[in-house]
PDB file of N, CA and C in Angstrom:
ATOM      1  N   UNK A   1      14.040 -36.199  29.006  1.00  0.00           N
ATOM      2  CA  UNK A   1      13.252 -35.048  29.362  1.00  0.00           C
ATOM      3  C   UNK A   1      13.568 -34.652  30.799  1.00  0.00           C
ATOM      4  N   UNK A   2      13.805 -33.383  31.016  1.00  0.00           N
ATOM      5  CA  UNK A   2      14.123 -32.878  32.337  1.00  0.00           C
ATOM      6  C   UNK A   2      12.846 -32.505  33.071  1.00  0.00           C
ATOM      7  N   UNK A   3      12.762 -32.899  34.319  1.00  0.00           N
ATOM      8  CA  UNK A   3      11.617 -32.503  35.129  1.00  0.00           C
ATOM      9  C   UNK A   3      12.112 -31.601  36.242  1.00  0.00           C
ATOM     10  N   UNK A   4      11.281 -30.704  36.666  1.00  0.00           N
ATOM     11  CA  UNK A   4      11.650 -29.803  37.743  1.00  0.00           C
ATOM     12  C   UNK A   4      10.668 -29.948  38.875  1.00  0.00           C
ATOM     13  N   UNK A   5      11.164 -29.752  40.069  1.00  0.00           N
ATOM     14  CA  UNK A   5      10.315 -29.806  41.254  1.00  0.00           C
ATOM     15  C   UNK A   5       9.695 -28.435  41.478  1.00  0.00           C
ATOM     16  N   UNK A   6       8.476 -28.361  41.970  1.00  0.00           N
ATOM     17  CA  UNK A   6       7.889 -27.058  42.297  1.00  0.00           C
ATOM     18  C   UNK A   6       8.747 -26.341  43.330  1.00  0.00           C
ATOM     19  N   UNK A   7       8.789 -25.038  43.272  1.00  0.00           N
ATOM     20  CA  UNK A   7       9.535 -24.250  44.235  1.00  0.00           C
ATOM     21  C   UNK A   7       8.933 -24.400  45.615  1.00  0.00           C
ATOM     22  N   UNK A   8       9.800 -24.381  46.630  1.00  0.00           N
ATOM     23  CA  UNK A   8       9.300 -24.384  47.988  1.00  0.00           C
ATOM     24  C   UNK A   8       8.447 -23.134  48.179  1.00  0.00           C
ATOM     25  N   UNK A   9       7.296 -23.283  48.716  1.00  0.00           N
ATOM     26  CA  UNK A   9       6.406 -22.147  48.918  1.00  0.00           C
ATOM     27  C   UNK A   9       5.514 -21.863  47.725  1.00  0.00           C
ATOM     28  N   UNK A  10       5.654 -22.643  46.627  1.00  0.00           N
ATOM     29  CA  UNK A  10       4.812 -22.422  45.451  1.00  0.00           C
ATOM     30  C   UNK A  10       3.379 -22.811  45.789  1.00  0.00           C
ATOM     31  N   UNK A  11       2.433 -22.145  45.182  1.00  0.00           N
ATOM     32  CA  UNK A  11       1.029 -22.454  45.415  1.00  0.00           C
ATOM     33  C   UNK A  11       0.368 -22.813  44.099  1.00  0.00           C
ATOM     34  N   UNK A  12      -0.573 -23.695  44.160  1.00  0.00           N
ATOM     35  CA  UNK A  12      -1.345 -24.064  42.980  1.00  0.00           C
ATOM     36  C   UNK A  12      -2.535 -23.130  42.900  1.00  0.00           C
ATOM     37  N   UNK A  13      -2.627 -22.383  41.807  1.00  0.00           N
ATOM     38  CA  UNK A  13      -3.746 -21.469  41.644  1.00  0.00           C
ATOM     39  C   UNK A  13      -5.033 -22.251  41.424  1.00  0.00           C
ATOM     40  N   UNK A  14      -6.096 -21.780  41.971  1.00  0.00           N
ATOM     41  CA  UNK A  14      -7.388 -22.378  41.688  1.00  0.00           C
ATOM     42  C   UNK A  14      -7.765 -22.041  40.259  1.00  0.00           C
ATOM     43  N   UNK A  15      -8.412 -22.955  39.593  1.00  0.00           N
ATOM     44  CA  UNK A  15      -8.744 -22.784  38.187  1.00  0.00           C
ATOM     45  C   UNK A  15      -9.525 -21.494  37.931  1.00  0.00           C
ATOM     46  N   UNK A  16     -10.399 -21.097  38.869  1.00  0.00           N
ATOM     47  CA  UNK A  16     -11.177 -19.877  38.646  1.00  0.00           C
ATOM     48  C   UNK A  16     -10.332 -18.614  38.777  1.00  0.00           C
ATOM     49  N   UNK A  17      -9.137 -18.718  39.360  1.00  0.00           N
ATOM     50  CA  UNK A  17      -8.274 -17.557  39.529  1.00  0.00           C
ATOM     51  C   UNK A  17      -7.202 -17.438  38.451  1.00  0.00           C
ATOM     52  N   UNK A  18      -7.113 -18.389  37.560  1.00  0.00           N
ATOM     53  CA  UNK A  18      -6.073 -18.359  36.541  1.00  0.00           C
ATOM     54  C   UNK A  18      -6.649 -18.787  35.208  1.00  0.00           C
ATOM     55  N   UNK A  19      -6.289 -18.103  34.178  1.00  0.00           N
ATOM     56  CA  UNK A  19      -6.722 -18.473  32.846  1.00  0.00           C
ATOM     57  C   UNK A  19      -5.480 -18.874  32.059  1.00  0.00           C
ATOM     58  N   UNK A  20      -5.220 -20.164  32.034  1.00  0.00           N
ATOM     59  CA  UNK A  20      -4.028 -20.688  31.368  1.00  0.00           C
ATOM     60  C   UNK A  20      -3.967 -20.312  29.907  1.00  0.00           C
ATOM     61  N   UNK A  21      -5.104 -20.264  29.240  1.00  0.00           N
ATOM     62  CA  UNK A  21      -5.129 -19.903  27.827  1.00  0.00           C
ATOM     63  C   UNK A  21      -4.639 -18.477  27.625  1.00  0.00           C
ATOM     64  N   UNK A  22      -5.103 -17.560  28.461  1.00  0.00           N
ATOM     65  CA  UNK A  22      -4.700 -16.157  28.351  1.00  0.00           C
ATOM     66  C   UNK A  22      -3.210 -16.012  28.655  1.00  0.00           C
ATOM     67  N   UNK A  23      -2.734 -16.705  29.697  1.00  0.00           N
ATOM     68  CA  UNK A  23      -1.324 -16.637  30.053  1.00  0.00           C
ATOM     69  C   UNK A  23      -0.459 -17.207  28.936  1.00  0.00           C
ATOM     70  N   UNK A  24      -0.838 -18.349  28.413  1.00  0.00           N
ATOM     71  CA  UNK A  24      -0.057 -18.959  27.330  1.00  0.00           C
ATOM     72  C   UNK A  24      -0.066 -18.087  26.080  1.00  0.00           C
ATOM     73  N   UNK A  25      -1.205 -17.473  25.784  1.00  0.00           N
ATOM     74  CA  UNK A  25      -1.285 -16.566  24.648  1.00  0.00           C
ATOM     75  C   UNK A  25      -0.345 -15.380  24.854  1.00  0.00           C
ATOM     76  N   UNK A  26      -0.339 -14.826  26.058  1.00  0.00           N
ATOM     77  CA  UNK A  26       0.528 -13.683  26.339  1.00  0.00           C
ATOM     78  C   UNK A  26       1.999 -14.056  26.214  1.00  0.00           C
ATOM     79  N   UNK A  27       2.347 -15.276  26.578  1.00  0.00           N
ATOM     80  CA  UNK A  27       3.747 -15.708  26.525  1.00  0.00           C
ATOM     81  C   UNK A  27       4.128 -16.355  25.198  1.00  0.00           C
ATOM     82  N   UNK A  28       3.202 -16.382  24.251  1.00  0.00           N
ATOM     83  CA  UNK A  28       3.485 -17.036  22.973  1.00  0.00           C
ATOM     84  C   UNK A  28       4.475 -16.259  22.116  1.00  0.00           C
ATOM     85  N   UNK A  29       4.658 -14.978  22.405  1.00  0.00           N
ATOM     86  CA  UNK A  29       5.655 -14.179  21.687  1.00  0.00           C
ATOM     87  C   UNK A  29       6.933 -14.137  22.507  1.00  0.00           C
ATOM     88  N   UNK A  30       8.053 -14.396  21.858  1.00  0.00           N
ATOM     89  CA  UNK A  30       9.324 -14.461  22.575  1.00  0.00           C
ATOM     90  C   UNK A  30       9.670 -13.144  23.264  1.00  0.00           C
ATOM     91  N   UNK A  31       9.275 -12.013  22.686  1.00  0.00           N
ATOM     92  CA  UNK A  31       9.563 -10.720  23.312  1.00  0.00           C
ATOM     93  C   UNK A  31       8.897 -10.629  24.677  1.00  0.00           C
ATOM     94  N   UNK A  32       7.647 -11.064  24.764  1.00  0.00           N
ATOM     95  CA  UNK A  32       6.941 -11.008  26.048  1.00  0.00           C
ATOM     96  C   UNK A  32       7.567 -11.958  27.053  1.00  0.00           C
ATOM     97  N   UNK A  33       7.938 -13.141  26.592  1.00  0.00           N
ATOM     98  CA  UNK A  33       8.583 -14.109  27.482  1.00  0.00           C
ATOM     99  C   UNK A  33       9.906 -13.548  28.004  1.00  0.00           C
ATOM    100  N   UNK A  34      10.673 -12.887  27.141  1.00  0.00           N
ATOM    101  CA  UNK A  34      11.937 -12.278  27.566  1.00  0.00           C
ATOM    102  C   UNK A  34      11.700 -11.153  28.569  1.00  0.00           C
ATOM    103  N   UNK A  35      10.694 -10.326  28.324  1.00  0.00           N
ATOM    104  CA  UNK A  35      10.371  -9.238  29.250  1.00  0.00           C
ATOM    105  C   UNK A  35       9.997  -9.792  30.621  1.00  0.00           C
ATOM    106  N   UNK A  36       9.151 -10.820  30.649  1.00  0.00           N
ATOM    107  CA  UNK A  36       8.748 -11.419  31.918  1.00  0.00           C
ATOM    108  C   UNK A  36       9.949 -12.044  32.618  1.00  0.00           C
ATOM    109  N   UNK A  37      10.764 -12.756  31.877  1.00  0.00           N
ATOM    110  CA  UNK A  37      11.949 -13.393  32.453  1.00  0.00           C
ATOM    111  C   UNK A  37      12.863 -12.344  33.105  1.00  0.00           C
ATOM    112  N   UNK A  38      13.055 -11.203  32.439  1.00  0.00           N
ATOM    113  CA  UNK A  38      13.910 -10.151  32.982  1.00  0.00           C
ATOM    114  C   UNK A  38      13.288  -9.523  34.233  1.00  0.00           C
ATOM    115  N   UNK A  39      11.980  -9.348  34.233  1.00  0.00           N
ATOM    116  CA  UNK A  39      11.310  -8.803  35.412  1.00  0.00           C
ATOM    117  C   UNK A  39      11.380  -9.778  36.582  1.00  0.00           C
ATOM    118  N   UNK A  40      11.312 -11.064  36.307  1.00  0.00           N
ATOM    119  CA  UNK A  40      11.455 -12.070  37.364  1.00  0.00           C
ATOM    120  C   UNK A  40      12.877 -12.047  37.905  1.00  0.00           C
ATOM    121  N   UNK A  41      13.875 -11.914  37.016  1.00  0.00           N
ATOM    122  CA  UNK A  41      15.266 -11.821  37.470  1.00  0.00           C
ATOM    123  C   UNK A  41      15.467 -10.618  38.399  1.00  0.00           C
ATOM    124  N   UNK A  42      14.806  -9.508  38.081  1.00  0.00           N
ATOM    125  CA  UNK A  42      14.966  -8.270  38.846  1.00  0.00           C
ATOM    126  C   UNK A  42      14.096  -8.241  40.103  1.00  0.00           C
ATOM    127  N   UNK A  43      13.189  -9.180  40.255  1.00  0.00           N
ATOM    128  CA  UNK A  43      12.245  -9.213  41.362  1.00  0.00           C
ATOM    129  C   UNK A  43      12.960  -8.991  42.686  1.00  0.00           C
ATOM    130  N   UNK A  44      12.501  -8.167  43.580  1.00  0.00           N
ATOM    131  CA  UNK A  44      11.246  -7.439  43.599  1.00  0.00           C
ATOM    132  C   UNK A  44      11.357  -6.017  43.024  1.00  0.00           C
ATOM    133  N   UNK A  45      12.496  -5.703  42.433  1.00  0.00           N
ATOM    134  CA  UNK A  45      12.701  -4.356  41.893  1.00  0.00           C
ATOM    135  C   UNK A  45      11.766  -4.084  40.720  1.00  0.00           C
ATOM    136  N   UNK A  46      11.509  -2.814  40.492  1.00  0.00           N
ATOM    137  CA  UNK A  46      10.721  -2.368  39.348  1.00  0.00           C
ATOM    138  C   UNK A  46      11.686  -1.896  38.271  1.00  0.00           C
ATOM    139  N   UNK A  47      11.347  -2.156  37.008  1.00  0.00           N
ATOM    140  CA  UNK A  47      12.168  -1.722  35.890  1.00  0.00           C
ATOM    141  C   UNK A  47      11.335  -0.868  34.946  1.00  0.00           C
ATOM    142  N   UNK A  48      11.928   0.196  34.466  1.00  0.00           N
ATOM    143  CA  UNK A  48      11.252   1.047  33.482  1.00  0.00           C
ATOM    144  C   UNK A  48      11.393   0.420  32.097  1.00  0.00           C
ATOM    145  N   UNK A  49      10.654   0.951  31.154  1.00  0.00           N
ATOM    146  CA  UNK A  49      10.763   0.473  29.777  1.00  0.00           C
ATOM    147  C   UNK A  49      12.193   0.676  29.272  1.00  0.00           C
ATOM    148  N   UNK A  50      12.781   1.823  29.572  1.00  0.00           N
ATOM    149  CA  UNK A  50      14.157   2.091  29.156  1.00  0.00           C
ATOM    150  C   UNK A  50      15.144   1.099  29.740  1.00  0.00           C
ATOM    151  N   UNK A  51      14.978   0.765  31.013  1.00  0.00           N
ATOM    152  CA  UNK A  51      15.865  -0.206  31.652  1.00  0.00           C
ATOM    153  C   UNK A  51      15.702  -1.593  31.023  1.00  0.00           C
ATOM    154  N   UNK A  52      14.453  -1.972  30.755  1.00  0.00           N
ATOM    155  CA  UNK A  52      14.214  -3.272  30.119  1.00  0.00           C
ATOM    156  C   UNK A  52      14.835  -3.327  28.731  1.00  0.00           C
ATOM    157  N   UNK A  53      14.648  -2.265  27.961  1.00  0.00           N
ATOM    158  CA  UNK A  53      15.213  -2.228  26.607  1.00  0.00           C
ATOM    159  C   UNK A  53      16.733  -2.335  26.661  1.00  0.00           C
ATOM    160  N   UNK A  54      17.354  -1.652  27.600  1.00  0.00           N
ATOM    161  CA  UNK A  54      18.807  -1.679  27.714  1.00  0.00           C
ATOM    162  C   UNK A  54      19.297  -3.065  28.130  1.00  0.00           C
ATOM    163  N   UNK A  55      18.674  -3.645  29.142  1.00  0.00           N
ATOM    164  CA  UNK A  55      19.079  -4.967  29.632  1.00  0.00           C
ATOM    165  C   UNK A  55      18.938  -6.045  28.569  1.00  0.00           C
ATOM    166  N   UNK A  56      17.855  -5.949  27.781  1.00  0.00           N
ATOM    167  CA  UNK A  56      17.575  -6.976  26.766  1.00  0.00           C
ATOM    168  C   UNK A  56      18.082  -6.597  25.377  1.00  0.00           C
ATOM    169  N   UNK A  57      18.696  -5.415  25.277  1.00  0.00           N
ATOM    170  CA  UNK A  57      19.203  -4.919  23.987  1.00  0.00           C
ATOM    171  C   UNK A  57      18.103  -4.896  22.921  1.00  0.00           C
ATOM    172  N   UNK A  58      16.927  -4.407  23.335  1.00  0.00           N
ATOM    173  CA  UNK A  58      15.787  -4.317  22.430  1.00  0.00           C
ATOM    174  C   UNK A  58      15.863  -3.027  21.629  1.00  0.00           C
ATOM    175  N   UNK A  59      15.529  -3.109  20.353  1.00  0.00           N
ATOM    176  CA  UNK A  59      15.495  -1.927  19.494  1.00  0.00           C
ATOM    177  C   UNK A  59      14.070  -1.512  19.174  1.00  0.00           C
ATOM    178  N   UNK A  60      13.114  -2.087  19.876  1.00  0.00           N
ATOM    179  CA  UNK A  60      11.703  -1.769  19.651  1.00  0.00           C
ATOM    180  C   UNK A  60      11.381  -0.377  20.178  1.00  0.00           C
ATOM    181  N   UNK A  61      10.351   0.234  19.623  1.00  0.00           N
ATOM    182  CA  UNK A  61       9.869   1.523  20.121  1.00  0.00           C
ATOM    183  C   UNK A  61       9.299   1.343  21.527  1.00  0.00           C
ATOM    184  N   UNK A  62       9.371   2.401  22.335  1.00  0.00           N
ATOM    185  CA  UNK A  62       8.839   2.346  23.693  1.00  0.00           C
ATOM    186  C   UNK A  62       7.372   1.924  23.710  1.00  0.00           C
ATOM    187  N   UNK A  63       6.584   2.435  22.782  1.00  0.00           N
ATOM    188  CA  UNK A  63       5.158   2.086  22.729  1.00  0.00           C
ATOM    189  C   UNK A  63       4.950   0.597  22.446  1.00  0.00           C
ATOM    190  N   UNK A  64       5.813   0.013  21.631  1.00  0.00           N
ATOM    191  CA  UNK A  64       5.716  -1.424  21.341  1.00  0.00           C
ATOM    192  C   UNK A  64       6.019  -2.231  22.593  1.00  0.00           C
ATOM    193  N   UNK A  65       7.051  -1.850  23.316  1.00  0.00           N
ATOM    194  CA  UNK A  65       7.399  -2.536  24.563  1.00  0.00           C
ATOM    195  C   UNK A  65       6.260  -2.366  25.569  1.00  0.00           C
ATOM    196  N   UNK A  66       5.698  -1.164  25.646  1.00  0.00           N
ATOM    197  CA  UNK A  66       4.577  -0.922  26.556  1.00  0.00           C
ATOM    198  C   UNK A  66       3.387  -1.808  26.194  1.00  0.00           C
ATOM    199  N   UNK A  67       3.117  -1.982  24.917  1.00  0.00           N
ATOM    200  CA  UNK A  67       2.028  -2.864  24.468  1.00  0.00           C
ATOM    201  C   UNK A  67       2.244  -4.280  24.990  1.00  0.00           C
ATOM    202  N   UNK A  68       3.475  -4.792  24.853  1.00  0.00           N
ATOM    203  CA  UNK A  68       3.779  -6.149  25.328  1.00  0.00           C
ATOM    204  C   UNK A  68       3.655  -6.239  26.845  1.00  0.00           C
ATOM    205  N   UNK A  69       4.120  -5.225  27.547  1.00  0.00           N
ATOM    206  CA  UNK A  69       4.017  -5.219  29.005  1.00  0.00           C
ATOM    207  C   UNK A  69       2.561  -5.137  29.456  1.00  0.00           C
ATOM    208  N   UNK A  70       1.761  -4.403  28.732  1.00  0.00           N
ATOM    209  CA  UNK A  70       0.331  -4.310  29.067  1.00  0.00           C
ATOM    210  C   UNK A  70      -0.335  -5.675  28.935  1.00  0.00           C
ATOM    211  N   UNK A  71       0.036  -6.436  27.908  1.00  0.00           N
ATOM    212  CA  UNK A  71      -0.524  -7.788  27.745  1.00  0.00           C
ATOM    213  C   UNK A  71      -0.140  -8.683  28.929  1.00  0.00           C
ATOM    214  N   UNK A  72       1.097  -8.567  29.385  1.00  0.00           N
ATOM    215  CA  UNK A  72       1.531  -9.356  30.538  1.00  0.00           C
ATOM    216  C   UNK A  72       0.794  -8.919  31.800  1.00  0.00           C
ATOM    217  N   UNK A  73       0.511  -7.640  31.897  1.00  0.00           N
ATOM    218  CA  UNK A  73      -0.221  -7.108  33.039  1.00  0.00           C
ATOM    219  C   UNK A  73      -1.673  -7.574  33.026  1.00  0.00           C
ATOM    220  N   UNK A  74      -2.296  -7.592  31.858  1.00  0.00           N
ATOM    221  CA  UNK A  74      -3.701  -7.990  31.730  1.00  0.00           C
ATOM    222  C   UNK A  74      -3.946  -9.418  32.186  1.00  0.00           C
ATOM    223  N   UNK A  75      -2.953 -10.278  32.067  1.00  0.00           N
ATOM    224  CA  UNK A  75      -3.154 -11.668  32.496  1.00  0.00           C
ATOM    225  C   UNK A  75      -2.571 -11.918  33.892  1.00  0.00           C
ATOM    226  N   UNK A  76      -2.192 -10.844  34.589  1.00  0.00           N
ATOM    227  CA  UNK A  76      -1.809 -10.971  35.986  1.00  0.00           C
ATOM    228  C   UNK A  76      -0.388 -11.423  36.253  1.00  0.00           C
ATOM    229  N   UNK A  77       0.507 -11.270  35.289  1.00  0.00           N
ATOM    230  CA  UNK A  77       1.889 -11.700  35.493  1.00  0.00           C
ATOM    231  C   UNK A  77       2.788 -10.583  36.005  1.00  0.00           C
ATOM    232  N   UNK A  78       2.455  -9.341  35.671  1.00  0.00           N
ATOM    233  CA  UNK A  78       3.252  -8.197  36.117  1.00  0.00           C
ATOM    234  C   UNK A  78       2.313  -7.088  36.546  1.00  0.00           C
ATOM    235  N   UNK A  79       2.884  -6.057  37.175  1.00  0.00           N
ATOM    236  CA  UNK A  79       2.089  -4.901  37.547  1.00  0.00           C
ATOM    237  C   UNK A  79       2.874  -3.631  37.255  1.00  0.00           C
ATOM    238  N   UNK A  80       2.141  -2.561  37.071  1.00  0.00           N
ATOM    239  CA  UNK A  80       2.724  -1.237  36.892  1.00  0.00           C
ATOM    240  C   UNK A  80       2.430  -0.437  38.137  1.00  0.00           C
ATOM    241  N   UNK A  81       3.469   0.145  38.700  1.00  0.00           N
ATOM    242  CA  UNK A  81       3.297   1.002  39.869  1.00  0.00           C
ATOM    243  C   UNK A  81       2.437   2.186  39.471  1.00  0.00           C
ATOM    244  N   UNK A  82       1.478   2.537  40.259  1.00  0.00           N
ATOM    245  CA  UNK A  82       0.583   3.646  39.962  1.00  0.00           C
ATOM    246  C   UNK A  82       1.292   4.971  39.794  1.00  0.00           C
ATOM    247  N   UNK A  83       2.458   5.110  40.390  1.00  0.00           N
ATOM    248  CA  UNK A  83       3.202   6.362  40.267  1.00  0.00           C
ATOM    249  C   UNK A  83       4.116   6.363  39.049  1.00  0.00           C
ATOM    250  N   UNK A  84       4.055   5.319  38.240  1.00  0.00           N
ATOM    251  CA  UNK A  84       4.849   5.262  37.018  1.00  0.00           C
ATOM    252  C   UNK A  84       6.316   4.976  37.244  1.00  0.00           C
ATOM    253  N   UNK A  85       6.653   4.303  38.351  1.00  0.00           N
ATOM    254  CA  UNK A  85       8.057   4.008  38.637  1.00  0.00           C
ATOM    255  C   UNK A  85       8.564   2.756  37.947  1.00  0.00           C
ATOM    256  N   UNK A  86       7.758   2.092  37.214  1.00  0.00           N
ATOM    257  CA  UNK A  86       8.222   0.925  36.478  1.00  0.00           C
ATOM    258  C   UNK A  86       7.318  -0.278  36.637  1.00  0.00           C
ATOM    259  N   UNK A  87       7.702  -1.323  35.945  1.00  0.00           N
ATOM    260  CA  UNK A  87       6.966  -2.583  35.950  1.00  0.00           C
ATOM    261  C   UNK A  87       7.654  -3.556  36.884  1.00  0.00           C
ATOM    262  N   UNK A  88       6.872  -4.467  37.470  1.00  0.00           N
ATOM    263  CA  UNK A  88       7.414  -5.464  38.379  1.00  0.00           C
ATOM    264  C   UNK A  88       6.689  -6.777  38.176  1.00  0.00           C
ATOM    265  N   UNK A  89       7.443  -7.865  38.240  1.00  0.00           N
ATOM    266  CA  UNK A  89       6.833  -9.187  38.208  1.00  0.00           C
ATOM    267  C   UNK A  89       6.035  -9.371  39.493  1.00  0.00           C
ATOM    268  N   UNK A  90       4.913 -10.037  39.408  1.00  0.00           N
ATOM    269  CA  UNK A  90       4.097 -10.281  40.593  1.00  0.00           C
ATOM    270  C   UNK A  90       4.556 -11.505  41.366  1.00  0.00           C
ATOM    271  N   UNK A  91       5.410 -12.314  40.751  1.00  0.00           N
ATOM    272  CA  UNK A  91       5.876 -13.540  41.377  1.00  0.00           C
ATOM    273  C   UNK A  91       7.370 -13.694  41.146  1.00  0.00           C
ATOM    274  N   UNK A  92       8.003 -14.399  42.082  1.00  0.00           N
ATOM    275  CA  UNK A  92       9.423 -14.678  41.902  1.00  0.00           C
ATOM    276  C   UNK A  92       9.648 -15.795  40.898  1.00  0.00           C
ATOM    277  N   UNK A  93       8.651 -16.608  40.713  1.00  0.00           N
ATOM    278  CA  UNK A  93       8.782 -17.727  39.782  1.00  0.00           C
ATOM    279  C   UNK A  93       7.394 -18.127  39.289  1.00  0.00           C
ATOM    280  N   UNK A  94       7.359 -18.690  38.093  1.00  0.00           N
ATOM    281  CA  UNK A  94       6.106 -19.133  37.495  1.00  0.00           C
ATOM    282  C   UNK A  94       6.375 -20.417  36.727  1.00  0.00           C
ATOM    283  N   UNK A  95       5.548 -21.401  36.942  1.00  0.00           N
ATOM    284  CA  UNK A  95       5.692 -22.680  36.249  1.00  0.00           C
ATOM    285  C   UNK A  95       4.317 -23.106  35.753  1.00  0.00           C
ATOM    286  N   UNK A  96       4.209 -23.361  34.467  1.00  0.00           N
ATOM    287  CA  UNK A  96       2.951 -23.817  33.879  1.00  0.00           C
ATOM    288  C   UNK A  96       3.164 -25.245  33.401  1.00  0.00           C
ATOM    289  N   UNK A  97       2.349 -26.148  33.904  1.00  0.00           N
ATOM    290  CA  UNK A  97       2.458 -27.560  33.534  1.00  0.00           C
ATOM    291  C   UNK A  97       1.150 -28.013  32.892  1.00  0.00           C
ATOM    292  N   UNK A  98       1.267 -28.811  31.855  1.00  0.00           N
ATOM    293  CA  UNK A  98       0.103 -29.345  31.153  1.00  0.00           C
ATOM    294  C   UNK A  98       0.063 -30.856  31.339  1.00  0.00           C
ATOM    295  N   UNK A  99      -1.154 -31.380  31.475  1.00  0.00           N
ATOM    296  CA  UNK A  99      -1.327 -32.823  31.513  1.00  0.00           C
ATOM    297  C   UNK A  99      -2.688 -33.154  30.922  1.00  0.00           C
ATOM    298  N   UNK A 100      -3.067 -34.388  30.966  1.00  0.00           N
ATOM    299  CA  UNK A 100      -4.324 -34.818  30.371  1.00  0.00           C
ATOM    300  C   UNK A 100      -5.555 -34.180  30.997  1.00  0.00           C
ATOM    301  N   UNK A 101      -5.415 -33.641  32.183  1.00  0.00           N
ATOM    302  CA  UNK A 101      -6.544 -33.027  32.878  1.00  0.00           C
ATOM    303  C   UNK A 101      -6.580 -31.513  32.744  1.00  0.00           C
ATOM    304  N   UNK A 102      -5.712 -30.943  31.933  1.00  0.00           N
ATOM    305  CA  UNK A 102      -5.701 -29.497  31.771  1.00  0.00           C
ATOM    306  C   UNK A 102      -4.349 -28.917  32.130  1.00  0.00           C
ATOM    307  N   UNK A 103      -4.347 -27.820  32.856  1.00  0.00           N
ATOM    308  CA  UNK A 103      -3.105 -27.131  33.200  1.00  0.00           C
ATOM    309  C   UNK A 103      -3.067 -26.818  34.687  1.00  0.00           C
ATOM    310  N   UNK A 104      -1.872 -26.647  35.166  1.00  0.00           N
ATOM    311  CA  UNK A 104      -1.638 -26.205  36.533  1.00  0.00           C
ATOM    312  C   UNK A 104      -0.636 -25.077  36.482  1.00  0.00           C
ATOM    313  N   UNK A 105      -0.875 -24.038  37.245  1.00  0.00           N
ATOM    314  CA  UNK A 105       0.051 -22.911  37.317  1.00  0.00           C
ATOM    315  C   UNK A 105       0.557 -22.822  38.742  1.00  0.00           C
ATOM    316  N   UNK A 106       1.865 -23.013  38.885  1.00  0.00           N
ATOM    317  CA  UNK A 106       2.501 -22.869  40.193  1.00  0.00           C
ATOM    318  C   UNK A 106       3.211 -21.533  40.187  1.00  0.00           C
ATOM    319  N   UNK A 107       3.068 -20.785  41.264  1.00  0.00           N
ATOM    320  CA  UNK A 107       3.778 -19.518  41.334  1.00  0.00           C
ATOM    321  C   UNK A 107       4.238 -19.281  42.751  1.00  0.00           C
ATOM    322  N   UNK A 108       5.364 -18.609  42.867  1.00  0.00           N
ATOM    323  CA  UNK A 108       5.847 -18.229  44.179  1.00  0.00           C
ATOM    324  C   UNK A 108       5.348 -16.816  44.417  1.00  0.00           C
ATOM    325  N   UNK A 109       4.541 -16.656  45.449  1.00  0.00           N
ATOM    326  CA  UNK A 109       3.843 -15.416  45.733  1.00  0.00           C
ATOM    327  C   UNK A 109       4.772 -14.319  46.251  1.00  0.00           C
ATOM    328  N   UNK A 110       4.303 -13.081  46.174  1.00  0.00           N
ATOM    329  CA  UNK A 110       4.976 -11.958  46.810  1.00  0.00           C
ATOM    330  C   UNK A 110       4.979 -12.172  48.311  1.00  0.00           C
ATOM    331  N   UNK A 111       5.997 -11.693  48.966  1.00  0.00           N
ATOM    332  CA  UNK A 111       6.056 -11.825  50.427  1.00  0.00           C
ATOM    333  C   UNK A 111       5.509 -10.597  51.078  1.00  0.00           C
TER     334      UNK A 111
END
């Protein structure tokens, strides 16, 4: 089993600020996980739905992709620019670890 070290500068979210169940539910679909992964790769740039579809070679309807992005936004993983310029990951990296005491979410914050 491979283990990874937390990123330098990663912070442990306080339990009241993170809902691991909601985050895990949002990432339970591979499409959402792929969308988040691509937004993290592009960080700090914003990507439109069209750009995401092209990069990931998705054949889904724009509304379907928007639905998945909205779910990621609702659990605090991405944001939509108010001017409609695209979606952006809120963190450069995200690591969710489970143990006997529950879960820990490490994330590298925006600068």
